[in-house]
Amino acid sequence: MLPLIQFLLLVAFPALAIIAAMRDATSFTIPNWISLALIALFFPTALLLGASLTQIGLAVAVGFGALIVGMGMFAAGWIGGGDAKLFAAAALWLGWSALLPFLAVTAVAGGALAVSLLIMRSTWVRPVTMGLRGWIGRLATPGENVPYGVAIAVGALVAFPASLPAQLFPGLS
């Protein structure tokens, strides 16, 4: 029964990352409950998987560092507040071992997202996208926000296999 509980807690991270990406893409917001759930679920997951207090402490330090960086990016107007919180919550889960791939993939995914939105919103593609309705139409609207939570989720999902919880789960490493 314990491996099933461990597995369910472990799948919470990718599931919540995907939900955050979908919410950001469709509404340009990431609800606080997603980041709070990620933070709350990290600790029982790490403990049930047998992480040491040192490993958990290092993950908390990485998450806190990411929160400081995310707050700086938010203050500079580069990302939204929900993006900053998701960035920190994902960094907590990913820890030191997956930090570099997380940052690299998030940056590349963010660049690809920005270029895609610039193309969608350009004057030569805009006549095609003007008729789009709903959230896709909002994505194509010039001057609209960039749902950077999508890039954060992509980076988090790609880096997740290198994370501490994934490495500790039997059969995944």
N, C-alpha and C. Protein backbone atom coordinates (compact mmCIF):
# COMPACT_ATOMS: atom_id res chain seq x y z
N MET A 1 0.82 -1.20 0.00
CA MET A 1 0.00 0.00 0.00
C MET A 1 0.86 1.26 0.00
N LEU A 2 2.00 1.22 0.72
CA LEU A 2 2.86 2.39 0.79
C LEU A 2 3.42 2.80 -0.57
N PRO A 3 3.89 1.86 -1.42
CA PRO A 3 4.35 2.30 -2.74
C PRO A 3 3.26 2.99 -3.56
N LEU A 4 2.00 2.56 -3.40
CA LEU A 4 0.91 3.21 -4.12
C LEU A 4 0.74 4.65 -3.64
N ILE A 5 0.78 4.86 -2.34
CA ILE A 5 0.67 6.22 -1.79
C ILE A 5 1.85 7.07 -2.25
N GLN A 6 3.05 6.49 -2.22
CA GLN A 6 4.23 7.21 -2.70
C GLN A 6 4.05 7.59 -4.17
N PHE A 7 3.58 6.65 -4.96
CA PHE A 7 3.38 6.90 -6.38
C PHE A 7 2.35 8.00 -6.61
N LEU A 8 1.23 7.95 -5.89
CA LEU A 8 0.19 8.97 -6.06
C LEU A 8 0.71 10.35 -5.67
N LEU A 9 1.50 10.42 -4.60
CA LEU A 9 2.07 11.70 -4.21
C LEU A 9 3.07 12.19 -5.26
N LEU A 10 3.81 11.25 -5.83
CA LEU A 10 4.81 11.60 -6.84
C LEU A 10 4.16 12.11 -8.13
N VAL A 11 3.02 11.55 -8.51
CA VAL A 11 2.35 12.00 -9.74
C VAL A 11 1.65 13.34 -9.55
N ALA A 12 1.51 13.77 -8.31
CA ALA A 12 0.87 15.06 -8.06
C ALA A 12 1.67 16.20 -8.70
N PHE A 13 2.99 16.09 -8.70
CA PHE A 13 3.81 17.17 -9.26
C PHE A 13 3.55 17.37 -10.75
N PRO A 14 3.71 16.33 -11.58
CA PRO A 14 3.44 16.57 -13.01
C PRO A 14 1.98 16.96 -13.27
N ALA A 15 1.05 16.38 -12.52
CA ALA A 15 -0.36 16.71 -12.74
C ALA A 15 -0.62 18.19 -12.45
N LEU A 16 -0.11 18.67 -11.33
CA LEU A 16 -0.32 20.08 -10.98
C LEU A 16 0.43 21.02 -11.91
N ALA A 17 1.60 20.61 -12.39
CA ALA A 17 2.34 21.43 -13.36
C ALA A 17 1.53 21.57 -14.65
N ILE A 18 0.93 20.49 -15.10
CA ILE A 18 0.11 20.53 -16.32
C ILE A 18 -1.13 21.39 -16.10
N ILE A 19 -1.76 21.26 -14.95
CA ILE A 19 -2.94 22.09 -14.65
C ILE A 19 -2.55 23.57 -14.63
N ALA A 20 -1.40 23.88 -14.03
CA ALA A 20 -0.94 25.28 -13.98
C ALA A 20 -0.71 25.82 -15.39
N ALA A 21 -0.08 25.02 -16.24
CA ALA A 21 0.18 25.44 -17.62
C ALA A 21 -1.14 25.68 -18.36
N MET A 22 -2.07 24.77 -18.20
CA MET A 22 -3.36 24.92 -18.89
C MET A 22 -4.12 26.15 -18.39
N ARG A 23 -4.10 26.38 -17.08
CA ARG A 23 -4.79 27.54 -16.53
C ARG A 23 -4.14 28.84 -17.02
N ASP A 24 -2.80 28.85 -17.06
CA ASP A 24 -2.11 30.06 -17.50
C ASP A 24 -2.38 30.33 -18.98
N ALA A 25 -2.35 29.29 -19.80
CA ALA A 25 -2.60 29.45 -21.24
C ALA A 25 -4.02 29.92 -21.51
N THR A 26 -4.98 29.47 -20.72
CA THR A 26 -6.37 29.79 -21.00
C THR A 26 -6.88 31.04 -20.29
N SER A 27 -6.23 31.44 -19.19
CA SER A 27 -6.75 32.59 -18.44
C SER A 27 -5.68 33.60 -18.04
N PHE A 28 -4.41 33.33 -18.36
CA PHE A 28 -3.30 34.19 -17.98
C PHE A 28 -3.18 34.34 -16.47
N THR A 29 -3.65 33.34 -15.74
CA THR A 29 -3.50 33.31 -14.27
C THR A 29 -3.16 31.90 -13.83
N ILE A 30 -2.40 31.81 -12.76
CA ILE A 30 -2.12 30.53 -12.10
C ILE A 30 -2.65 30.68 -10.69
N PRO A 31 -3.70 29.95 -10.35
CA PRO A 31 -4.28 30.09 -9.01
C PRO A 31 -3.27 29.74 -7.92
N ASN A 32 -3.34 30.46 -6.82
CA ASN A 32 -2.45 30.21 -5.69
C ASN A 32 -2.54 28.79 -5.16
N TRP A 33 -3.72 28.18 -5.25
CA TRP A 33 -3.88 26.85 -4.68
C TRP A 33 -2.95 25.83 -5.34
N ILE A 34 -2.58 26.07 -6.59
CA ILE A 34 -1.70 25.12 -7.27
C ILE A 34 -0.31 25.16 -6.65
N SER A 35 0.25 26.34 -6.50
CA SER A 35 1.58 26.46 -5.89
C SER A 35 1.55 26.01 -4.43
N LEU A 36 0.50 26.36 -3.71
CA LEU A 36 0.39 25.94 -2.30
C LEU A 36 0.27 24.42 -2.19
N ALA A 37 -0.48 23.81 -3.10
CA ALA A 37 -0.61 22.34 -3.08
C ALA A 37 0.74 21.68 -3.38
N LEU A 38 1.47 22.23 -4.34
CA LEU A 38 2.80 21.69 -4.65
C LEU A 38 3.71 21.75 -3.43
N ILE A 39 3.71 22.88 -2.74
CA ILE A 39 4.55 23.04 -1.56
C ILE A 39 4.12 22.06 -0.47
N ALA A 40 2.81 22.01 -0.22
CA ALA A 40 2.30 21.14 0.85
C ALA A 40 2.56 19.66 0.56
N LEU A 41 2.47 19.25 -0.70
CA LEU A 41 2.65 17.84 -1.04
C LEU A 41 4.12 17.42 -1.12
N PHE A 42 5.02 18.39 -1.28
CA PHE A 42 6.44 18.03 -1.37
C PHE A 42 6.92 17.32 -0.10
N PHE A 43 6.57 17.86 1.05
CA PHE A 43 7.12 17.35 2.30
C PHE A 43 6.68 15.91 2.62
N PRO A 44 5.39 15.57 2.55
CA PRO A 44 5.06 14.16 2.79
C PRO A 44 5.64 13.24 1.72
N THR A 45 5.73 13.73 0.49
CA THR A 45 6.31 12.91 -0.59
C THR A 45 7.77 12.63 -0.30
N ALA A 46 8.53 13.66 0.02
CA ALA A 46 9.96 13.48 0.31
C ALA A 46 10.17 12.57 1.51
N LEU A 47 9.38 12.77 2.56
CA LEU A 47 9.54 11.95 3.76
C LEU A 47 9.16 10.49 3.50
N LEU A 48 8.05 10.27 2.80
CA LEU A 48 7.63 8.89 2.50
C LEU A 48 8.58 8.18 1.55
N LEU A 49 9.29 8.95 0.74
CA LEU A 49 10.26 8.34 -0.17
C LEU A 49 11.62 8.14 0.49
N GLY A 50 11.76 8.64 1.73
CA GLY A 50 13.00 8.40 2.47
C GLY A 50 14.06 9.46 2.29
N ALA A 51 13.69 10.65 1.89
CA ALA A 51 14.68 11.72 1.76
C ALA A 51 15.22 12.10 3.14
N SER A 52 16.48 12.41 3.18
CA SER A 52 17.08 12.83 4.46
C SER A 52 16.70 14.28 4.73
N LEU A 53 16.86 14.69 5.99
CA LEU A 53 16.58 16.08 6.32
C LEU A 53 17.53 17.03 5.59
N THR A 54 18.76 16.58 5.35
CA THR A 54 19.71 17.38 4.58
C THR A 54 19.21 17.58 3.15
N GLN A 55 18.72 16.50 2.52
CA GLN A 55 18.20 16.60 1.16
C GLN A 55 16.98 17.51 1.10
N ILE A 56 16.11 17.37 2.09
CA ILE A 56 14.91 18.22 2.14
C ILE A 56 15.31 19.67 2.37
N GLY A 57 16.27 19.90 3.26
CA GLY A 57 16.75 21.26 3.53
C GLY A 57 17.35 21.90 2.29
N LEU A 58 18.10 21.13 1.52
CA LEU A 58 18.69 21.66 0.29
C LEU A 58 17.59 22.00 -0.72
N ALA A 59 16.57 21.16 -0.80
CA ALA A 59 15.44 21.44 -1.70
C ALA A 59 14.72 22.71 -1.27
N VAL A 60 14.54 22.89 0.03
CA VAL A 60 13.90 24.11 0.54
C VAL A 60 14.75 25.34 0.19
N ALA A 61 16.07 25.22 0.33
CA ALA A 61 16.96 26.33 -0.02
C ALA A 61 16.85 26.67 -1.51
N VAL A 62 16.79 25.65 -2.36
CA VAL A 62 16.64 25.88 -3.81
C VAL A 62 15.30 26.56 -4.09
N GLY A 63 14.24 26.08 -3.45
CA GLY A 63 12.92 26.68 -3.63
C GLY A 63 12.89 28.13 -3.15
N PHE A 64 13.53 28.40 -2.02
CA PHE A 64 13.57 29.77 -1.50
C PHE A 64 14.37 30.67 -2.43
N GLY A 65 15.50 30.17 -2.92
CA GLY A 65 16.30 30.94 -3.88
C GLY A 65 15.50 31.26 -5.13
N ALA A 66 14.74 30.27 -5.61
CA ALA A 66 13.90 30.47 -6.80
C ALA A 66 12.80 31.49 -6.51
N LEU A 67 12.29 31.49 -5.29
CA LEU A 67 11.27 32.48 -4.93
C LEU A 67 11.85 33.89 -4.98
N ILE A 68 13.06 34.05 -4.47
CA ILE A 68 13.71 35.37 -4.51
C ILE A 68 13.93 35.82 -5.96
N VAL A 69 14.45 34.91 -6.79
CA VAL A 69 14.67 35.23 -8.21
C VAL A 69 13.33 35.54 -8.89
N GLY A 70 12.31 34.71 -8.62
CA GLY A 70 10.99 34.92 -9.20
C GLY A 70 10.38 36.26 -8.78
N MET A 71 10.57 36.63 -7.52
CA MET A 71 10.07 37.92 -7.05
C MET A 71 10.78 39.07 -7.77
N GLY A 72 12.08 38.89 -8.01
CA GLY A 72 12.83 39.90 -8.75
C GLY A 72 12.32 40.04 -10.18
N MET A 73 12.05 38.89 -10.82
CA MET A 73 11.54 38.92 -12.20
C MET A 73 10.14 39.53 -12.23
N PHE A 74 9.34 39.25 -11.20
CA PHE A 74 8.01 39.85 -11.10
C PHE A 74 8.12 41.36 -10.91
N ALA A 75 9.01 41.79 -10.02
CA ALA A 75 9.20 43.22 -9.77
C ALA A 75 9.67 43.94 -11.03
N ALA A 76 10.46 43.26 -11.85
CA ALA A 76 10.94 43.86 -13.10
C ALA A 76 9.86 43.85 -14.18
N GLY A 77 8.76 43.15 -13.94
CA GLY A 77 7.68 43.09 -14.91
C GLY A 77 7.88 42.04 -15.99
N TRP A 78 8.81 41.12 -15.76
CA TRP A 78 9.11 40.09 -16.76
C TRP A 78 8.13 38.92 -16.70
N ILE A 79 7.63 38.61 -15.49
CA ILE A 79 6.68 37.51 -15.31
C ILE A 79 5.59 37.95 -14.35
N GLY A 80 4.52 37.18 -14.29
CA GLY A 80 3.45 37.47 -13.36
C GLY A 80 3.71 36.86 -11.99
N GLY A 81 2.90 37.25 -11.04
CA GLY A 81 3.05 36.74 -9.68
C GLY A 81 2.82 35.24 -9.58
N GLY A 82 1.85 34.73 -10.33
CA GLY A 82 1.60 33.29 -10.33
C GLY A 82 2.76 32.52 -10.92
N ASP A 83 3.40 33.10 -11.94
CA ASP A 83 4.58 32.48 -12.53
C ASP A 83 5.70 32.38 -11.51
N ALA A 84 5.92 33.45 -10.75
CA ALA A 84 6.99 33.46 -9.74
C ALA A 84 6.74 32.39 -8.68
N LYS A 85 5.50 32.26 -8.25
CA LYS A 85 5.18 31.26 -7.23
C LYS A 85 5.30 29.84 -7.78
N LEU A 86 4.85 29.63 -9.01
CA LEU A 86 4.99 28.31 -9.63
C LEU A 86 6.46 27.96 -9.82
N PHE A 87 7.27 28.93 -10.23
CA PHE A 87 8.70 28.75 -10.41
C PHE A 87 9.34 28.27 -9.10
N ALA A 88 8.99 28.90 -7.99
CA ALA A 88 9.54 28.53 -6.69
C ALA A 88 9.05 27.15 -6.24
N ALA A 89 7.77 26.88 -6.41
CA ALA A 89 7.22 25.58 -5.99
C ALA A 89 7.83 24.46 -6.82
N ALA A 90 8.02 24.68 -8.11
CA ALA A 90 8.64 23.67 -8.96
C ALA A 90 10.09 23.45 -8.55
N ALA A 91 10.81 24.53 -8.26
CA ALA A 91 12.21 24.41 -7.85
C ALA A 91 12.34 23.63 -6.55
N LEU A 92 11.38 23.81 -5.63
CA LEU A 92 11.38 23.04 -4.39
C LEU A 92 11.33 21.54 -4.70
N TRP A 93 10.42 21.14 -5.56
CA TRP A 93 10.28 19.73 -5.93
C TRP A 93 11.52 19.23 -6.67
N LEU A 94 12.04 20.04 -7.55
CA LEU A 94 13.14 19.58 -8.40
C LEU A 94 14.46 19.55 -7.66
N GLY A 95 14.66 20.48 -6.74
CA GLY A 95 15.87 20.48 -5.93
C GLY A 95 17.12 20.77 -6.73
N TRP A 96 18.24 20.59 -6.06
CA TRP A 96 19.54 20.91 -6.66
C TRP A 96 19.85 20.03 -7.85
N SER A 97 19.51 18.74 -7.76
CA SER A 97 19.91 17.79 -8.81
C SER A 97 19.27 18.08 -10.16
N ALA A 98 18.12 18.70 -10.18
CA ALA A 98 17.42 18.97 -11.44
C ALA A 98 17.34 20.47 -11.76
N LEU A 99 18.03 21.29 -10.97
CA LEU A 99 17.91 22.73 -11.14
C LEU A 99 18.41 23.21 -12.50
N LEU A 100 19.58 22.77 -12.90
CA LEU A 100 20.15 23.24 -14.18
C LEU A 100 19.28 22.85 -15.37
N PRO A 101 18.85 21.57 -15.49
CA PRO A 101 17.96 21.26 -16.62
C PRO A 101 16.64 22.03 -16.56
N PHE A 102 16.13 22.25 -15.36
CA PHE A 102 14.89 23.01 -15.19
C PHE A 102 15.07 24.43 -15.72
N LEU A 103 16.14 25.09 -15.32
CA LEU A 103 16.38 26.47 -15.77
C LEU A 103 16.61 26.53 -17.27
N ALA A 104 17.41 25.60 -17.78
CA ALA A 104 17.74 25.62 -19.22
C ALA A 104 16.50 25.36 -20.07
N VAL A 105 15.74 24.34 -19.73
CA VAL A 105 14.57 24.00 -20.55
C VAL A 105 13.49 25.08 -20.41
N THR A 106 13.34 25.63 -19.20
CA THR A 106 12.36 26.71 -19.01
C THR A 106 12.73 27.92 -19.87
N ALA A 107 14.01 28.26 -19.92
CA ALA A 107 14.46 29.40 -20.74
C ALA A 107 14.21 29.14 -22.22
N VAL A 108 14.54 27.94 -22.69
CA VAL A 108 14.33 27.62 -24.11
C VAL A 108 12.84 27.58 -24.43
N ALA A 109 12.05 26.96 -23.55
CA ALA A 109 10.60 26.89 -23.77
C ALA A 109 9.99 28.29 -23.73
N GLY A 110 10.49 29.14 -22.83
CA GLY A 110 10.00 30.52 -22.77
C GLY A 110 10.32 31.30 -24.03
N GLY A 111 11.52 31.08 -24.56
CA GLY A 111 11.90 31.74 -25.81
C GLY A 111 11.04 31.26 -26.97
N ALA A 112 10.82 29.95 -27.03
CA ALA A 112 9.97 29.40 -28.10
C ALA A 112 8.54 29.91 -27.98
N LEU A 113 8.05 30.00 -26.74
CA LEU A 113 6.70 30.53 -26.51
C LEU A 113 6.62 31.98 -26.95
N ALA A 114 7.62 32.78 -26.58
CA ALA A 114 7.61 34.21 -26.95
C ALA A 114 7.66 34.38 -28.46
N VAL A 115 8.51 33.62 -29.14
CA VAL A 115 8.61 33.73 -30.60
C VAL A 115 7.28 33.30 -31.24
N SER A 116 6.70 32.22 -30.74
CA SER A 116 5.41 31.75 -31.28
C SER A 116 4.32 32.80 -31.13
N LEU A 117 4.28 33.43 -29.95
CA LEU A 117 3.27 34.47 -29.72
C LEU A 117 3.54 35.71 -30.57
N LEU A 118 4.81 36.05 -30.76
CA LEU A 118 5.13 37.18 -31.64
C LEU A 118 4.66 36.92 -33.06
N ILE A 119 4.86 35.70 -33.52
CA ILE A 119 4.41 35.35 -34.87
C ILE A 119 2.88 35.39 -34.94
N MET A 120 2.21 34.79 -33.94
CA MET A 120 0.74 34.80 -33.92
C MET A 120 0.18 36.21 -33.89
N ARG A 121 0.90 37.09 -33.21
CA ARG A 121 0.41 38.46 -33.01
C ARG A 121 0.93 39.44 -34.05
N SER A 122 1.71 38.97 -35.01
CA SER A 122 2.31 39.85 -36.01
C SER A 122 1.26 40.34 -37.01
N THR A 123 1.59 41.42 -37.68
CA THR A 123 0.65 42.02 -38.63
C THR A 123 0.38 41.12 -39.82
N TRP A 124 1.33 40.27 -40.20
CA TRP A 124 1.10 39.41 -41.36
C TRP A 124 0.35 38.13 -41.01
N VAL A 125 0.29 37.74 -39.73
CA VAL A 125 -0.49 36.56 -39.32
C VAL A 125 -1.80 37.00 -38.65
N ARG A 126 -1.82 38.19 -38.13
CA ARG A 126 -2.99 38.68 -37.39
C ARG A 126 -4.29 38.57 -38.18
N PRO A 127 -4.34 38.84 -39.49
CA PRO A 127 -5.62 38.68 -40.19
C PRO A 127 -6.18 37.26 -40.09
N VAL A 128 -5.32 36.27 -40.00
CA VAL A 128 -5.77 34.88 -39.86
C VAL A 128 -6.26 34.61 -38.45
N THR A 129 -5.57 35.18 -37.45
CA THR A 129 -5.90 34.87 -36.05
C THR A 129 -7.01 35.76 -35.49
N MET A 130 -7.39 36.83 -36.20
CA MET A 130 -8.41 37.74 -35.69
C MET A 130 -9.75 37.05 -35.47
N GLY A 131 -10.04 36.04 -36.24
CA GLY A 131 -11.32 35.37 -36.11
C GLY A 131 -11.36 34.34 -35.00
N LEU A 132 -10.22 34.07 -34.38
CA LEU A 132 -10.18 33.07 -33.32
C LEU A 132 -10.88 33.59 -32.08
N ARG A 133 -11.61 32.71 -31.43
CA ARG A 133 -12.36 33.10 -30.23
C ARG A 133 -11.78 32.40 -29.00
N GLY A 134 -12.24 32.83 -27.85
CA GLY A 134 -11.86 32.20 -26.60
C GLY A 134 -10.40 32.43 -26.26
N TRP A 135 -9.83 31.48 -25.56
CA TRP A 135 -8.47 31.64 -25.04
C TRP A 135 -7.43 31.67 -26.15
N ILE A 136 -7.66 30.97 -27.24
CA ILE A 136 -6.69 31.00 -28.34
C ILE A 136 -6.69 32.40 -28.97
N GLY A 137 -7.87 33.00 -29.10
CA GLY A 137 -7.96 34.36 -29.60
C GLY A 137 -7.23 35.35 -28.69
N ARG A 138 -7.34 35.14 -27.37
CA ARG A 138 -6.63 36.01 -26.43
C ARG A 138 -5.12 35.84 -26.56
N LEU A 139 -4.66 34.60 -26.77
CA LEU A 139 -3.23 34.37 -26.96
C LEU A 139 -2.72 35.12 -28.19
N ALA A 140 -3.56 35.21 -29.21
CA ALA A 140 -3.16 35.84 -30.47
C ALA A 140 -3.33 37.36 -30.45
N THR A 141 -3.87 37.91 -29.39
CA THR A 141 -4.12 39.35 -29.32
C THR A 141 -2.83 40.11 -29.03
N PRO A 142 -2.46 41.05 -29.92
CA PRO A 142 -1.26 41.85 -29.68
C PRO A 142 -1.36 42.61 -28.35
N GLY A 143 -0.24 42.66 -27.62
CA GLY A 143 -0.20 43.38 -26.36
C GLY A 143 -0.68 42.56 -25.17
N GLU A 144 -1.21 41.39 -25.43
CA GLU A 144 -1.69 40.54 -24.34
C GLU A 144 -0.49 39.94 -23.60
N ASN A 145 -0.71 39.44 -22.41
CA ASN A 145 0.36 38.86 -21.60
C ASN A 145 0.92 37.59 -22.24
N VAL A 146 2.05 37.14 -21.70
CA VAL A 146 2.65 35.87 -22.11
C VAL A 146 2.45 34.88 -20.97
N PRO A 147 1.81 33.75 -21.22
CA PRO A 147 1.59 32.76 -20.17
C PRO A 147 2.87 31.97 -19.88
N TYR A 148 3.80 32.60 -19.16
CA TYR A 148 5.11 31.99 -18.93
C TYR A 148 5.02 30.73 -18.07
N GLY A 149 3.89 30.54 -17.38
CA GLY A 149 3.68 29.32 -16.62
C GLY A 149 3.75 28.08 -17.51
N VAL A 150 3.44 28.24 -18.78
CA VAL A 150 3.55 27.13 -19.74
C VAL A 150 5.01 26.73 -19.87
N ALA A 151 5.90 27.69 -20.01
CA ALA A 151 7.34 27.39 -20.13
C ALA A 151 7.88 26.81 -18.84
N ILE A 152 7.43 27.33 -17.70
CA ILE A 152 7.87 26.80 -16.40
C ILE A 152 7.44 25.34 -16.27
N ALA A 153 6.21 25.05 -16.66
CA ALA A 153 5.72 23.67 -16.58
C ALA A 153 6.49 22.74 -17.50
N VAL A 154 6.80 23.20 -18.71
CA VAL A 154 7.59 22.38 -19.64
C VAL A 154 8.96 22.09 -19.03
N GLY A 155 9.62 23.12 -18.51
CA GLY A 155 10.92 22.92 -17.87
C GLY A 155 10.84 21.97 -16.69
N ALA A 156 9.80 22.12 -15.89
CA ALA A 156 9.62 21.26 -14.72
C ALA A 156 9.38 19.80 -15.11
N LEU A 157 8.56 19.59 -16.12
CA LEU A 157 8.26 18.22 -16.54
C LEU A 157 9.48 17.53 -17.16
N VAL A 158 10.25 18.27 -17.93
CA VAL A 158 11.46 17.69 -18.54
C VAL A 158 12.49 17.37 -17.46
N ALA A 159 12.63 18.25 -16.46
CA ALA A 159 13.63 18.06 -15.42
C ALA A 159 13.19 17.09 -14.33
N PHE A 160 11.91 16.78 -14.25
CA PHE A 160 11.38 15.97 -13.15
C PHE A 160 12.08 14.63 -12.95
N PRO A 161 12.42 13.89 -14.00
CA PRO A 161 13.10 12.60 -13.76
C PRO A 161 14.43 12.74 -13.02
N ALA A 162 15.06 13.90 -13.06
CA ALA A 162 16.32 14.12 -12.34
C ALA A 162 16.11 14.65 -10.93
N SER A 163 14.85 14.86 -10.53
CA SER A 163 14.55 15.44 -9.23
C SER A 163 14.78 14.44 -8.11
N LEU A 164 14.93 14.95 -6.90
CA LEU A 164 15.12 14.10 -5.73
C LEU A 164 13.96 13.11 -5.54
N PRO A 165 12.69 13.56 -5.56
CA PRO A 165 11.61 12.59 -5.36
C PRO A 165 11.60 11.48 -6.42
N ALA A 166 11.84 11.84 -7.67
CA ALA A 166 11.83 10.82 -8.74
C ALA A 166 12.98 9.85 -8.57
N GLN A 167 14.14 10.35 -8.12
CA GLN A 167 15.30 9.47 -7.91
C GLN A 167 15.08 8.53 -6.74
N LEU A 168 14.31 8.95 -5.74
CA LEU A 168 14.10 8.13 -4.55
C LEU A 168 13.01 7.08 -4.75
N PHE A 169 12.13 7.28 -5.74
CA PHE A 169 11.03 6.34 -5.92
C PHE A 169 11.56 5.05 -6.54
N PRO A 170 11.24 3.91 -5.93
CA PRO A 170 11.74 2.64 -6.46
C PRO A 170 11.21 2.37 -7.87
N GLY A 171 12.12 2.04 -8.77
CA GLY A 171 11.73 1.70 -10.12
C GLY A 171 11.82 2.84 -11.12
N LEU A 172 11.95 4.10 -10.64
CA LEU A 172 12.03 5.23 -11.55
C LEU A 172 13.47 5.61 -11.87
N SER A 173 14.38 5.30 -10.96
CA SER A 173 15.77 5.74 -11.18
C SER A 173 16.57 4.69 -11.92
